[in-house]
PDB file of N, CA and C in Angstrom:
ATOM      1  N   MET A   1      16.016  19.323 -16.387  1.00  0.00           N
ATOM      2  CA  MET A   1      17.282  18.619 -15.673  1.00  0.00           C
ATOM      3  C   MET A   1      18.461  18.457 -16.790  1.00  0.00           C
ATOM      4  N   ARG A   2      18.087  18.569 -17.402  1.00  0.00           N
ATOM      5  CA  ARG A   2      18.847  17.914 -18.911  1.00  0.00           C
ATOM      6  C   ARG A   2      19.929  18.573 -19.859  1.00  0.00           C
ATOM      7  N   GLY A   3      19.049  20.142 -19.485  1.00  0.00           N
ATOM      8  CA  GLY A   3      20.331  21.168 -19.872  1.00  0.00           C
ATOM      9  C   GLY A   3      20.842  21.668 -19.245  1.00  0.00           C
ATOM     10  N   PHE A   4      21.115  21.082 -17.429  1.00  0.00           N
ATOM     11  CA  PHE A   4      21.871  20.864 -16.529  1.00  0.00           C
ATOM     12  C   PHE A   4      22.876  19.744 -16.807  1.00  0.00           C
ATOM     13  N   GLN A   5      22.421  19.046 -17.762  1.00  0.00           N
ATOM     14  CA  GLN A   5      23.608  17.665 -17.370  1.00  0.00           C
ATOM     15  C   GLN A   5      24.114  18.417 -18.602  1.00  0.00           C
ATOM     16  N   GLU A   6      23.585  18.191 -19.447  1.00  0.00           N
ATOM     17  CA  GLU A   6      24.598  18.983 -21.207  1.00  0.00           C
ATOM     18  C   GLU A   6      25.859  19.863 -20.939  1.00  0.00           C
ATOM     19  N   LYS A   7      24.808  21.030 -19.918  1.00  0.00           N
ATOM     20  CA  LYS A   7      26.574  22.343 -19.077  1.00  0.00           C
ATOM     21  C   LYS A   7      27.060  21.795 -18.778  1.00  0.00           C
ATOM     22  N   LYS A   8      27.594  20.753 -17.737  1.00  0.00           N
ATOM     23  CA  LYS A   8      27.809  19.608 -16.784  1.00  0.00           C
ATOM     24  C   LYS A   8      29.245  19.475 -17.707  1.00  0.00           C
ATOM     25  N   ARG A   9      28.438  18.314 -19.394  1.00  0.00           N
ATOM     26  CA  ARG A   9      29.183  17.775 -19.972  1.00  0.00           C
ATOM     27  C   ARG A   9      30.233  18.338 -20.480  1.00  0.00           C
ATOM     28  N   TRP A  10      29.739  19.447 -21.204  1.00  0.00           N
ATOM     29  CA  TRP A  10      30.443  20.441 -21.610  1.00  0.00           C
ATOM     30  C   TRP A  10      31.694  20.758 -20.874  1.00  0.00           C
ATOM     31  N   ARG A  11      31.639  20.782 -19.399  1.00  0.00           N
ATOM     32  CA  ARG A  11      32.167  21.257 -18.686  1.00  0.00           C
ATOM     33  C   ARG A  11      32.696  20.670 -18.117  1.00  0.00           C
ATOM     34  N   ASN A  12      32.936  19.915 -18.489  1.00  0.00           N
ATOM     35  CA  ASN A  12      33.587  18.493 -18.610  1.00  0.00           C
ATOM     36  C   ASN A  12      34.822  18.042 -18.650  1.00  0.00           C
ATOM     37  N   ILE A  13      33.994  18.513 -19.984  1.00  0.00           N
ATOM     38  CA  ILE A  13      35.386  17.707 -22.375  1.00  0.00           C
ATOM     39  C   ILE A  13      36.387  19.809 -21.680  1.00  0.00           C
ATOM     40  N   LEU A  14      35.850  20.816 -21.200  1.00  0.00           N
ATOM     41  CA  LEU A  14      36.171  22.208 -21.661  1.00  0.00           C
ATOM     42  C   LEU A  14      37.543  21.335 -20.851  1.00  0.00           C
ATOM     43  N   GLU A  15      37.382  21.782 -19.256  1.00  0.00           N
ATOM     44  CA  GLU A  15      38.126  21.459 -18.432  1.00  0.00           C
ATOM     45  C   GLU A  15      38.668  20.099 -17.719  1.00  0.00           C
ATOM     46  N   SER A  16      39.248  19.623 -19.281  1.00  0.00           N
ATOM     47  CA  SER A  16      39.620  18.497 -19.048  1.00  0.00           C
ATOM     48  C   SER A  16      41.061  18.793 -19.059  1.00  0.00           C
ATOM     49  N   LYS A  17      42.394  17.837 -18.390  1.00  0.00           N
ATOM     50  CA  LYS A  17      43.450  18.122 -18.997  1.00  0.00           C
ATOM     51  C   LYS A  17      44.020  17.807 -20.446  1.00  0.00           C
ATOM     52  N   PRO A  18      43.911  17.560 -20.940  1.00  0.00           N
ATOM     53  CA  PRO A  18      44.156  17.568 -22.636  1.00  0.00           C
ATOM     54  C   PRO A  18      43.819  18.218 -23.731  1.00  0.00           C
ATOM     55  N   VAL A  19      42.031  19.012 -22.247  1.00  0.00           N
ATOM     56  CA  VAL A  19      42.184  20.115 -24.260  1.00  0.00           C
ATOM     57  C   VAL A  19      42.708  21.102 -23.066  1.00  0.00           C
ATOM     58  N   LEU A  20      42.831  20.726 -21.838  1.00  0.00           N
ATOM     59  CA  LEU A  20      43.939  22.068 -21.099  1.00  0.00           C
ATOM     60  C   LEU A  20      44.933  22.386 -22.159  1.00  0.00           C
ATOM     61  N   THR A  21      45.734  21.264 -21.438  1.00  0.00           N
ATOM     62  CA  THR A  21      47.041  21.105 -22.755  1.00  0.00           C
ATOM     63  C   THR A  21      47.353  21.696 -23.661  1.00  0.00           C
ATOM     64  N   LEU A  22      46.302  21.368 -24.097  1.00  0.00           N
ATOM     65  CA  LEU A  22      46.118  22.357 -26.255  1.00  0.00           C
ATOM     66  C   LEU A  22      45.643  23.543 -26.620  1.00  0.00           C
ATOM     67  N   LEU A  23      44.509  23.888 -25.271  1.00  0.00           N
ATOM     68  CA  LEU A  23      44.729  25.764 -25.452  1.00  0.00           C
ATOM     69  C   LEU A  23      46.280  26.590 -25.023  1.00  0.00           C
ATOM     70  N   ALA A  24      46.774  25.435 -23.653  1.00  0.00           N
ATOM     71  CA  ALA A  24      47.460  25.850 -22.922  1.00  0.00           C
ATOM     72  C   ALA A  24      49.539  26.348 -24.660  1.00  0.00           C
ATOM     73  N   VAL A  25      48.733  24.974 -25.153  1.00  0.00           N
ATOM     74  CA  VAL A  25      50.324  24.711 -26.470  1.00  0.00           C
ATOM     75  C   VAL A  25      49.544  25.502 -27.917  1.00  0.00           C
ATOM     76  N   LEU A  26      48.221  25.954 -27.343  1.00  0.00           N
ATOM     77  CA  LEU A  26      47.971  27.803 -28.694  1.00  0.00           C
ATOM     78  C   LEU A  26      48.504  28.486 -28.551  1.00  0.00           C
ATOM     79  N   PHE A  27      48.375  28.685 -27.477  1.00  0.00           N
ATOM     80  CA  PHE A  27      48.353  29.994 -26.761  1.00  0.00           C
ATOM     81  C   PHE A  27      49.781  30.363 -26.625  1.00  0.00           C
ATOM     82  N   LEU A  28      50.867  29.414 -26.357  1.00  0.00           N
ATOM     83  CA  LEU A  28      52.075  29.492 -26.509  1.00  0.00           C
ATOM     84  C   LEU A  28      52.413  30.102 -27.506  1.00  0.00           C
ATOM     85  N   LEU A  29      52.463  29.231 -28.517  1.00  0.00           N
ATOM     86  CA  LEU A  29      52.609  30.169 -30.701  1.00  0.00           C
ATOM     87  C   LEU A  29      51.649  29.856 -30.529  1.00  0.00           C
ATOM     88  N   LEU A  30      50.886  31.473 -29.845  1.00  0.00           N
ATOM     89  CA  LEU A  30      49.808  32.077 -30.330  1.00  0.00           C
ATOM     90  C   LEU A  30      51.199  33.759 -29.705  1.00  0.00           C
ATOM     91  N   ALA A  31      51.663  32.662 -28.809  1.00  0.00           N
ATOM     92  CA  ALA A  31      52.790  33.872 -28.018  1.00  0.00           C
ATOM     93  C   ALA A  31      53.770  34.153 -28.515  1.00  0.00           C
ATOM     94  N   TRP A  32      54.279  33.094 -29.099  1.00  0.00           N
ATOM     95  CA  TRP A  32      55.457  32.203 -29.930  1.00  0.00           C
ATOM     96  C   TRP A  32      55.120  33.978 -31.075  1.00  0.00           C
ATOM     97  N   SER A  33      54.450  33.782 -31.380  1.00  0.00           N
ATOM     98  CA  SER A  33      54.574  34.434 -33.361  1.00  0.00           C
ATOM     99  C   SER A  33      54.381  35.234 -33.274  1.00  0.00           C
ATOM    100  N   VAL A  34      53.396  36.717 -31.641  1.00  0.00           N
ATOM    101  CA  VAL A  34      53.146  37.412 -31.433  1.00  0.00           C
ATOM    102  C   VAL A  34      54.305  38.467 -31.535  1.00  0.00           C
ATOM    103  N   TYR A  35      55.616  37.771 -30.489  1.00  0.00           N
ATOM    104  CA  TYR A  35      56.991  37.713 -30.128  1.00  0.00           C
ATOM    105  C   TYR A  35      57.655  37.966 -31.620  1.00  0.00           C
ATOM    106  N   GLY A  36      58.527  36.934 -32.121  1.00  0.00           N
ATOM    107  CA  GLY A  36      58.272  37.591 -33.543  1.00  0.00           C
ATOM    108  C   GLY A  36      58.042  38.556 -34.759  1.00  0.00           C
ATOM    109  N   LEU A  37      56.598  39.430 -34.413  1.00  0.00           N
ATOM    110  CA  LEU A  37      56.424  40.034 -34.553  1.00  0.00           C
ATOM    111  C   LEU A  37      57.107  41.217 -34.331  1.00  0.00           C
ATOM    112  N   PHE A  38      57.134  41.449 -33.307  1.00  0.00           N
ATOM    113  CA  PHE A  38      57.959  42.437 -32.640  1.00  0.00           C
ATOM    114  C   PHE A  38      59.086  42.790 -33.254  1.00  0.00           C
ATOM    115  N   GLY A  39      60.304  41.438 -33.429  1.00  0.00           N
ATOM    116  CA  GLY A  39      61.267  41.888 -33.696  1.00  0.00           C
ATOM    117  C   GLY A  39      61.709  42.314 -35.509  1.00  0.00           C
ATOM    118  N   LYS A  40      60.489  41.130 -35.869  1.00  0.00           N
ATOM    119  CA  LYS A  40      60.428  42.211 -37.801  1.00  0.00           C
ATOM    120  C   LYS A  40      59.665  44.038 -37.272  1.00  0.00           C
ATOM    121  N   MET A  41      58.880  44.179 -36.179  1.00  0.00           N
ATOM    122  CA  MET A  41      58.440  45.745 -36.285  1.00  0.00           C
ATOM    123  C   MET A  41      59.394  46.256 -36.000  1.00  0.00           C
ATOM    124  N   GLU A  42      60.326  46.343 -35.436  1.00  0.00           N
ATOM    125  CA  GLU A  42      61.688  46.412 -34.996  1.00  0.00           C
ATOM    126  C   GLU A  42      62.561  46.836 -36.312  1.00  0.00           C
ATOM    127  N   GLY A  43      63.000  45.373 -37.142  1.00  0.00           N
ATOM    128  CA  GLY A  43      63.427  45.815 -37.880  1.00  0.00           C
ATOM    129  C   GLY A  43      62.966  46.315 -38.895  1.00  0.00           C
ATOM    130  N   THR A  44      61.948  46.529 -38.952  1.00  0.00           N
ATOM    131  CA  THR A  44      60.757  47.144 -40.211  1.00  0.00           C
ATOM    132  C   THR A  44      61.114  48.579 -39.942  1.00  0.00           C
ATOM    133  N   ARG A  45      61.199  49.120 -38.188  1.00  0.00           N
ATOM    134  CA  ARG A  45      61.552  50.394 -37.979  1.00  0.00           C
ATOM    135  C   ARG A  45      62.489  50.851 -38.543  1.00  0.00           C
ATOM    136  N   LYS A  46      63.535  50.517 -38.125  1.00  0.00           N
ATOM    137  CA  LYS A  46      64.927  51.181 -38.945  1.00  0.00           C
ATOM    138  C   LYS A  46      64.857  51.073 -40.316  1.00  0.00           C
ATOM    139  N   ASN A  47      64.306  50.169 -41.054  1.00  0.00           N
ATOM    140  CA  ASN A  47      64.796  50.236 -42.244  1.00  0.00           C
ATOM    141  C   ASN A  47      63.811  51.067 -42.518  1.00  0.00           C
ATOM    142  N   ARG A  48      62.953  52.031 -42.329  1.00  0.00           N
ATOM    143  CA  ARG A  48      61.980  52.524 -42.492  1.00  0.00           C
ATOM    144  C   ARG A  48      62.956  54.005 -42.177  1.00  0.00           C
ATOM    145  N   GLY A  49      63.473  53.900 -41.234  1.00  0.00           N
ATOM    146  CA  GLY A  49      64.660  55.160 -41.366  1.00  0.00           C
ATOM    147  C   GLY A  49      65.752  55.421 -42.163  1.00  0.00           C
ATOM    148  N   ILE A  50      65.928  53.781 -42.774  1.00  0.00           N
ATOM    149  CA  ILE A  50      67.179  54.403 -43.649  1.00  0.00           C
ATOM    150  C   ILE A  50      66.453  55.055 -44.777  1.00  0.00           C
ATOM    151  N   SER A  51      65.231  54.138 -45.123  1.00  0.00           N
ATOM    152  CA  SER A  51      64.634  54.644 -46.420  1.00  0.00           C
ATOM    153  C   SER A  51      64.241  56.242 -46.156  1.00  0.00           C
ATOM    154  N   GLU A  52      63.936  56.726 -45.600  1.00  0.00           N
ATOM    155  CA  GLU A  52      63.567  57.835 -45.534  1.00  0.00           C
ATOM    156  C   GLU A  52      64.717  59.066 -45.314  1.00  0.00           C
ATOM    157  N   ASN A  53      65.896  58.312 -44.970  1.00  0.00           N
ATOM    158  CA  ASN A  53      67.432  59.421 -44.797  1.00  0.00           C
ATOM    159  C   ASN A  53      67.579  58.690 -45.823  1.00  0.00           C
ATOM    160  N   LYS A  54      67.484  58.167 -46.543  1.00  0.00           N
ATOM    161  CA  LYS A  54      68.270  58.373 -48.457  1.00  0.00           C
ATOM    162  C   LYS A  54      66.880  59.629 -49.190  1.00  0.00           C
ATOM    163  N   VAL A  55      65.760  59.077 -48.911  1.00  0.00           N
ATOM    164  CA  VAL A  55      64.557  59.862 -49.729  1.00  0.00           C
ATOM    165  C   VAL A  55      65.502  60.963 -49.058  1.00  0.00           C
ATOM    166  N   LYS A  56      65.461  61.579 -47.966  1.00  0.00           N
ATOM    167  CA  LYS A  56      66.240  62.738 -48.731  1.00  0.00           C
ATOM    168  C   LYS A  56      67.507  63.340 -48.526  1.00  0.00           C
ATOM    169  N   GLU A  57      68.162  62.435 -49.217  1.00  0.00           N
ATOM    170  CA  GLU A  57      69.279  62.578 -49.121  1.00  0.00           C
ATOM    171  C   GLU A  57      69.392  62.723 -50.897  1.00  0.00           C
ATOM    172  N   LEU A  58      68.365  62.297 -51.113  1.00  0.00           N
ATOM    173  CA  LEU A  58      68.288  62.126 -52.683  1.00  0.00           C
ATOM    174  C   LEU A  58      67.378  63.578 -53.258  1.00  0.00           C
ATOM    175  N   GLU A  59      66.293  64.538 -52.243  1.00  0.00           N
ATOM    176  CA  GLU A  59      65.791  65.128 -52.268  1.00  0.00           C
ATOM    177  C   GLU A  59      66.122  65.577 -52.209  1.00  0.00           C
ATOM    178  N   LEU A  60      67.417  66.535 -52.250  1.00  0.00           N
ATOM    179  CA  LEU A  60      68.045  67.259 -51.528  1.00  0.00           C
ATOM    180  C   LEU A  60      69.528  67.448 -52.982  1.00  0.00           C
ATOM    181  N   LYS A  61      69.797  65.532 -53.417  1.00  0.00           N
ATOM    182  CA  LYS A  61      70.281  65.949 -53.658  1.00  0.00           C
ATOM    183  C   LYS A  61      69.661  66.157 -55.881  1.00  0.00           C
ATOM    184  N   LYS A  62      68.276  65.614 -56.079  1.00  0.00           N
ATOM    185  CA  LYS A  62      68.074  66.183 -57.012  1.00  0.00           C
ATOM    186  C   LYS A  62      67.241  68.337 -57.068  1.00  0.00           C
ATOM    187  N   GLU A  63      67.643  68.670 -55.381  1.00  0.00           N
ATOM    188  CA  GLU A  63      67.212  70.242 -55.907  1.00  0.00           C
ATOM    189  C   GLU A  63      68.528  70.659 -56.671  1.00  0.00           C
ATOM    190  N   ASN A  64      69.493  70.045 -56.145  1.00  0.00           N
ATOM    191  CA  ASN A  64      71.117  70.396 -56.822  1.00  0.00           C
ATOM    192  C   ASN A  64      71.389  71.114 -58.186  1.00  0.00           C
ATOM    193  N   LEU A  65      71.400  69.135 -58.182  1.00  0.00           N
ATOM    194  CA  LEU A  65      71.041  69.859 -60.414  1.00  0.00           C
ATOM    195  C   LEU A  65      70.055  69.853 -60.912  1.00  0.00           C
ATOM    196  N   SER A  66      68.637  70.556 -60.262  1.00  0.00           N
ATOM    197  CA  SER A  66      68.200  71.018 -61.046  1.00  0.00           C
ATOM    198  C   SER A  66      68.299  72.874 -61.159  1.00  0.00           C
ATOM    199  N   ALA A  67      69.527  72.941 -60.162  1.00  0.00           N
ATOM    200  CA  ALA A  67      69.562  73.827 -59.483  1.00  0.00           C
ATOM    201  C   ALA A  67      70.833  74.420 -60.706  1.00  0.00           C
ATOM    202  N   ASP A  68      71.725  73.242 -61.017  1.00  0.00           N
ATOM    203  CA  ASP A  68      72.578  73.682 -61.430  1.00  0.00           C
ATOM    204  C   ASP A  68      72.254  73.160 -63.046  1.00  0.00           C
ATOM    205  N   ILE A  69      71.081  72.740 -63.226  1.00  0.00           N
ATOM    206  CA  ILE A  69      70.878  72.585 -65.161  1.00  0.00           C
ATOM    207  C   ILE A  69      70.120  74.373 -65.445  1.00  0.00           C
ATOM    208  N   GLY A  70      69.450  75.243 -64.099  1.00  0.00           N
ATOM    209  CA  GLY A  70      69.009  76.530 -64.169  1.00  0.00           C
ATOM    210  C   GLY A  70      69.926  77.191 -63.980  1.00  0.00           C
ATOM    211  N   ASN A  71      71.298  76.255 -63.612  1.00  0.00           N
ATOM    212  CA  ASN A  71      72.026  77.545 -64.356  1.00  0.00           C
ATOM    213  C   ASN A  71      72.802  77.641 -65.187  1.00  0.00           C
ATOM    214  N   LEU A  72      72.901  76.829 -66.332  1.00  0.00           N
ATOM    215  CA  LEU A  72      73.102  76.094 -67.028  1.00  0.00           C
ATOM    216  C   LEU A  72      72.132  76.652 -68.230  1.00  0.00           C
ATOM    217  N   ASN A  73      71.363  76.373 -68.472  1.00  0.00           N
ATOM    218  CA  ASN A  73      70.164  76.847 -68.911  1.00  0.00           C
ATOM    219  C   ASN A  73      70.372  78.541 -69.719  1.00  0.00           C
ATOM    220  N   THR A  74      71.063  79.153 -68.501  1.00  0.00           N
ATOM    221  CA  THR A  74      71.572  81.041 -68.860  1.00  0.00           C
ATOM    222  C   THR A  74      73.179  80.670 -69.868  1.00  0.00           C
ATOM    223  N   GLU A  75      73.374  82.122 -70.001  1.00  0.00           N
ATOM    224  CA  GLU A  75      74.446  82.094 -71.088  1.00  0.00           C
ATOM    225  C   GLU A  75      75.997  81.837 -69.920  1.00  0.00           C
ATOM    226  N   GLU A  76      75.051  82.662 -68.624  1.00  0.00           N
ATOM    227  CA  GLU A  76      76.339  82.340 -67.907  1.00  0.00           C
ATOM    228  C   GLU A  76      76.673  81.400 -66.753  1.00  0.00           C
ATOM    229  N   GLY A  77      75.863  80.465 -66.842  1.00  0.00           N
ATOM    230  CA  GLY A  77      76.317  79.702 -66.144  1.00  0.00           C
ATOM    231  C   GLY A  77      77.136  78.362 -66.961  1.00  0.00           C
ATOM    232  N   VAL A  78      77.269  78.211 -68.863  1.00  0.00           N
ATOM    233  CA  VAL A  78      77.448  77.667 -69.810  1.00  0.00           C
ATOM    234  C   VAL A  78      79.257  78.181 -69.380  1.00  0.00           C
ATOM    235  N   GLU A  79      79.015  79.154 -69.492  1.00  0.00           N
ATOM    236  CA  GLU A  79      80.301  80.208 -69.957  1.00  0.00           C
ATOM    237  C   GLU A  79      81.612  79.590 -68.058  1.00  0.00           C
ATOM    238  N   ARG A  80      80.448  79.943 -67.091  1.00  0.00           N
ATOM    239  CA  ARG A  80      81.723  79.412 -65.832  1.00  0.00           C
ATOM    240  C   ARG A  80      81.519  78.163 -65.930  1.00  0.00           C
ATOM    241  N   ASN A  81      80.978  77.345 -66.472  1.00  0.00           N
ATOM    242  CA  ASN A  81      80.937  75.765 -66.434  1.00  0.00           C
ATOM    243  C   ASN A  81      81.936  75.556 -67.104  1.00  0.00           C
ATOM    244  N   ILE A  82      82.212  76.002 -68.384  1.00  0.00           N
ATOM    245  CA  ILE A  82      83.498  75.422 -69.806  1.00  0.00           C
ATOM    246  C   ILE A  82      84.416  76.550 -68.850  1.00  0.00           C
ATOM    247  N   ARG A  83      85.098  77.175 -68.186  1.00  0.00           N
ATOM    248  CA  ARG A  83      85.887  77.827 -67.610  1.00  0.00           C
ATOM    249  C   ARG A  83      86.161  77.057 -66.669  1.00  0.00           C
ATOM    250  N   GLU A  84      85.628  76.969 -65.628  1.00  0.00           N
ATOM    251  CA  GLU A  84      86.075  75.649 -64.937  1.00  0.00           C
ATOM    252  C   GLU A  84      86.608  74.500 -65.151  1.00  0.00           C
ATOM    253  N   LYS A  85      85.374  73.491 -66.061  1.00  0.00           N
ATOM    254  CA  LYS A  85      86.118  71.800 -66.234  1.00  0.00           C
ATOM    255  C   LYS A  85      87.724  72.074 -66.786  1.00  0.00           C
ATOM    256  N   TYR A  86      87.548  73.414 -67.642  1.00  0.00           N
ATOM    257  CA  TYR A  86      88.966  73.707 -69.031  1.00  0.00           C
ATOM    258  C   TYR A  86      89.123  73.781 -68.697  1.00  0.00           C
ATOM    259  N   GLY A  87      89.360  75.055 -67.717  1.00  0.00           N
ATOM    260  CA  GLY A  87      89.923  76.115 -67.971  1.00  0.00           C
ATOM    261  C   GLY A  87      90.950  77.051 -68.956  1.00  0.00           C
ATOM    262  N   LEU A  88      89.521  77.684 -69.850  1.00  0.00           N
ATOM    263  CA  LEU A  88      89.528  78.037 -70.920  1.00  0.00           C
ATOM    264  C   LEU A  88      89.269  79.961 -70.467  1.00  0.00           C
ATOM    265  N   ALA A  89      89.630  81.101 -71.386  1.00  0.00           N
ATOM    266  CA  ALA A  89      89.642  82.378 -71.210  1.00  0.00           C
ATOM    267  C   ALA A  89      89.626  82.950 -71.994  1.00  0.00           C
ATOM    268  N   LYS A  90      88.593  84.243 -72.257  1.00  0.00           N
ATOM    269  CA  LYS A  90      87.905  84.987 -73.051  1.00  0.00           C
ATOM    270  C   LYS A  90      89.402  85.656 -73.978  1.00  0.00           C
ATOM    271  N   PRO A  91      89.092  85.982 -75.227  1.00  0.00           N
ATOM    272  CA  PRO A  91      90.118  86.562 -75.899  1.00  0.00           C
ATOM    273  C   PRO A  91      90.703  87.629 -74.445  1.00  0.00           C
ATOM    274  N   GLY A  92      92.215  88.226 -75.022  1.00  0.00           N
ATOM    275  CA  GLY A  92      92.712  89.373 -73.966  1.00  0.00           C
ATOM    276  C   GLY A  92      92.166  88.687 -72.797  1.00  0.00           C
ATOM    277  N   GLU A  93      92.090  87.666 -72.177  1.00  0.00           N
ATOM    278  CA  GLU A  93      92.979  87.575 -70.787  1.00  0.00           C
ATOM    279  C   GLU A  93      93.006  86.545 -70.323  1.00  0.00           C
ATOM    280  N   GLY A  94      94.478  86.479 -69.558  1.00  0.00           N
ATOM    281  CA  GLY A  94      95.139  85.621 -69.637  1.00  0.00           C
ATOM    282  C   GLY A  94      95.404  84.549 -68.031  1.00  0.00           C
ATOM    283  N   VAL A  95      95.680  83.482 -68.719  1.00  0.00           N
ATOM    284  CA  VAL A  95      95.636  81.847 -67.383  1.00  0.00           C
ATOM    285  C   VAL A  95      96.326  82.321 -66.460  1.00  0.00           C
ATOM    286  N   ILE A  96      95.929  82.397 -65.457  1.00  0.00           N
ATOM    287  CA  ILE A  96      97.418  81.958 -64.589  1.00  0.00           C
ATOM    288  C   ILE A  96      97.744  80.403 -63.725  1.00  0.00           C
ATOM    289  N   ILE A  97      98.360  79.550 -64.398  1.00  0.00           N
ATOM    290  CA  ILE A  97      98.585  78.839 -63.923  1.00  0.00           C
ATOM    291  C   ILE A  97      99.578  78.396 -62.256  1.00  0.00           C
ATOM    292  N   ILE A  98      99.184  77.716 -61.409  1.00  0.00           N
ATOM    293  CA  ILE A  98      99.321  78.151 -60.136  1.00  0.00           C
ATOM    294  C   ILE A  98     100.957  76.448 -60.302  1.00  0.00           C
ATOM    295  N   VAL A  99     101.597  75.773 -60.134  1.00  0.00           N
ATOM    296  CA  VAL A  99     102.327  74.995 -59.884  1.00  0.00           C
ATOM    297  C   VAL A  99     102.745  74.906 -58.255  1.00  0.00           C
ATOM    298  N   ASP A 100     102.204  73.486 -57.457  1.00  0.00           N
ATOM    299  CA  ASP A 100     102.903  73.498 -56.727  1.00  0.00           C
ATOM    300  C   ASP A 100     104.476  73.370 -56.343  1.00  0.00           C
ATOM    301  N   ASP A 101     105.513  73.503 -54.893  1.00  0.00           N
ATOM    302  CA  ASP A 101     106.424  73.554 -55.225  1.00  0.00           C
ATOM    303  C   ASP A 101     107.069  72.118 -54.784  1.00  0.00           C
ATOM    304  N   GLN A 102     108.834  71.780 -56.035  1.00  0.00           N
ATOM    305  CA  GLN A 102     108.372  70.596 -56.043  1.00  0.00           C
ATOM    306  C   GLN A 102     109.874  70.564 -55.447  1.00  0.00           C
ATOM    307  N   LYS A 103     109.971  69.623 -54.570  1.00  0.00           N
ATOM    308  CA  LYS A 103     111.311  69.168 -53.802  1.00  0.00           C
ATOM    309  C   LYS A 103     112.232  68.714 -54.807  1.00  0.00           C
ATOM    310  N   PRO A 104     113.847  69.079 -55.114  1.00  0.00           N
ATOM    311  CA  PRO A 104     114.124  67.992 -56.305  1.00  0.00           C
ATOM    312  C   PRO A 104     114.609  66.819 -55.270  1.00  0.00           C
ATOM    313  N   GLU A 105     114.630  66.230 -56.264  1.00  0.00           N
ATOM    314  CA  GLU A 105     115.490  64.382 -55.132  1.00  0.00           C
ATOM    315  C   GLU A 105     116.259  63.975 -55.534  1.00  0.00           C
ATOM    316  N   SER A 106     115.892  63.720 -54.220  1.00  0.00           N
ATOM    317  CA  SER A 106     117.929  63.449 -53.421  1.00  0.00           C
ATOM    318  C   SER A 106     118.805  62.092 -54.525  1.00  0.00           C
ATOM    319  N   ASP A 107     119.740  62.443 -54.857  1.00  0.00           N
ATOM    320  CA  ASP A 107     119.742  60.998 -55.634  1.00  0.00           C
ATOM    321  C   ASP A 107     120.879  59.812 -54.828  1.00  0.00           C
ATOM    322  N   GLY A 108     120.562  60.264 -53.082  1.00  0.00           N
ATOM    323  CA  GLY A 108     120.216  58.758 -52.779  1.00  0.00           C
ATOM    324  C   GLY A 108     122.046  58.514 -51.720  1.00  0.00           C
ATOM    325  N   LYS A 109     122.806  59.297 -52.682  1.00  0.00           N
ATOM    326  CA  LYS A 109     124.593  58.759 -52.567  1.00  0.00           C
ATOM    327  C   LYS A 109     124.882  59.598 -51.249  1.00  0.00           C
ATOM    328  N   ASN A 110     124.506  60.995 -50.587  1.00  0.00           N
ATOM    329  CA  ASN A 110     125.074  61.874 -50.171  1.00  0.00           C
ATOM    330  C   ASN A 110     123.981  60.698 -48.669  1.00  0.00           C
ATOM    331  N   ARG A 111     123.453  59.365 -49.102  1.00  0.00           N
ATOM    332  CA  ARG A 111     122.406  59.386 -47.265  1.00  0.00           C
ATOM    333  C   ARG A 111     123.204  58.072 -47.470  1.00  0.00           C
ATOM    334  N   GLY A 112     124.696  57.742 -46.832  1.00  0.00           N
ATOM    335  CA  GLY A 112     125.689  57.330 -46.495  1.00  0.00           C
ATOM    336  C   GLY A 112     124.853  55.963 -45.631  1.00  0.00           C
ATOM    337  N   GLY A 113     125.601  55.004 -45.799  1.00  0.00           N
ATOM    338  CA  GLY A 113     126.031  53.702 -44.388  1.00  0.00           C
ATOM    339  C   GLY A 113     125.839  52.577 -45.635  1.00  0.00           C
ATOM    340  N   PHE A 114     125.107  51.428 -44.859  1.00  0.00           N
ATOM    341  CA  PHE A 114     125.692  49.656 -45.234  1.00  0.00           C
ATOM    342  C   PHE A 114     124.198  49.261 -45.891  1.00  0.00           C
ATOM    343  N   TRP A 115     122.938  49.661 -45.931  1.00  0.00           N
ATOM    344  CA  TRP A 115     121.830  49.748 -46.086  1.00  0.00           C
ATOM    345  C   TRP A 115     121.089  50.293 -47.012  1.00  0.00           C
ATOM    346  N   ASN A 116     121.900  51.429 -47.672  1.00  0.00           N
ATOM    347  CA  ASN A 116     121.413  52.070 -48.577  1.00  0.00           C
ATOM    348  C   ASN A 116     122.207  52.149 -49.393  1.00  0.00           C
ATOM    349  N   TRP A 117     123.432  51.602 -49.255  1.00  0.00           N
ATOM    350  CA  TRP A 117     124.050  51.479 -50.299  1.00  0.00           C
ATOM    351  C   TRP A 117     123.381  49.846 -50.884  1.00  0.00           C
ATOM    352  N   LEU A 118     123.517  49.735 -50.167  1.00  0.00           N
ATOM    353  CA  LEU A 118     123.216  47.362 -50.692  1.00  0.00           C
ATOM    354  C   LEU A 118     121.518  47.780 -50.958  1.00  0.00           C
ATOM    355  N   LYS A 119     120.790  48.627 -50.756  1.00  0.00           N
ATOM    356  CA  LYS A 119     119.627  49.053 -52.030  1.00  0.00           C
ATOM    357  C   LYS A 119     119.991  49.508 -52.520  1.00  0.00           C
ATOM    358  N   ASN A 120     120.215  50.229 -52.997  1.00  0.00           N
ATOM    359  CA  ASN A 120     120.837  51.603 -54.051  1.00  0.00           C
ATOM    360  C   ASN A 120     121.885  49.910 -54.877  1.00  0.00           C
ATOM    361  N   LEU A 121     122.096  48.882 -54.707  1.00  0.00           N
ATOM    362  CA  LEU A 121     123.312  48.108 -55.032  1.00  0.00           C
ATOM    363  C   LEU A 121     122.422  47.386 -56.272  1.00  0.00           C
ATOM    364  N   PHE A 122     120.858  46.814 -55.082  1.00  0.00           N
ATOM    365  CA  PHE A 122     119.665  46.508 -56.011  1.00  0.00           C
ATOM    366  C   PHE A 122     118.478  47.166 -57.013  1.00  0.00           C
ATOM    367  N   LYS A 123     118.925  47.848 -57.110  1.00  0.00           N
ATOM    368  CA  LYS A 123     117.638  49.011 -58.052  1.00  0.00           C
ATOM    369  C   LYS A 123     117.889  48.732 -59.687  1.00  0.00           C
TER     370      LYS A 123
END
């Protein structure tokens, strides 16, 4: 009988309003923390995607640079690079330089009008 009364006393304590209120507050705090973790997890997922894209870009850049280094290790690659950067030619070759057509600037006198005359006055 004593065991039954002890169990009943613990049951009464655990089912009391202050203990249930305390348990409800603890449950709400834990639920709020879990909700905050979901937000952080979403941010982490976005950052991971950004980082993975950067890694892919850097790997592609590394491959391109490795190919450029491979080209510069050959004599033809060095020659091509020098020709592109400095516009040099081998002996006996000619270099053609293409110049864009430039329109001659008008002197502004042909564009009459008071405002143009006033603007040209202060130049």
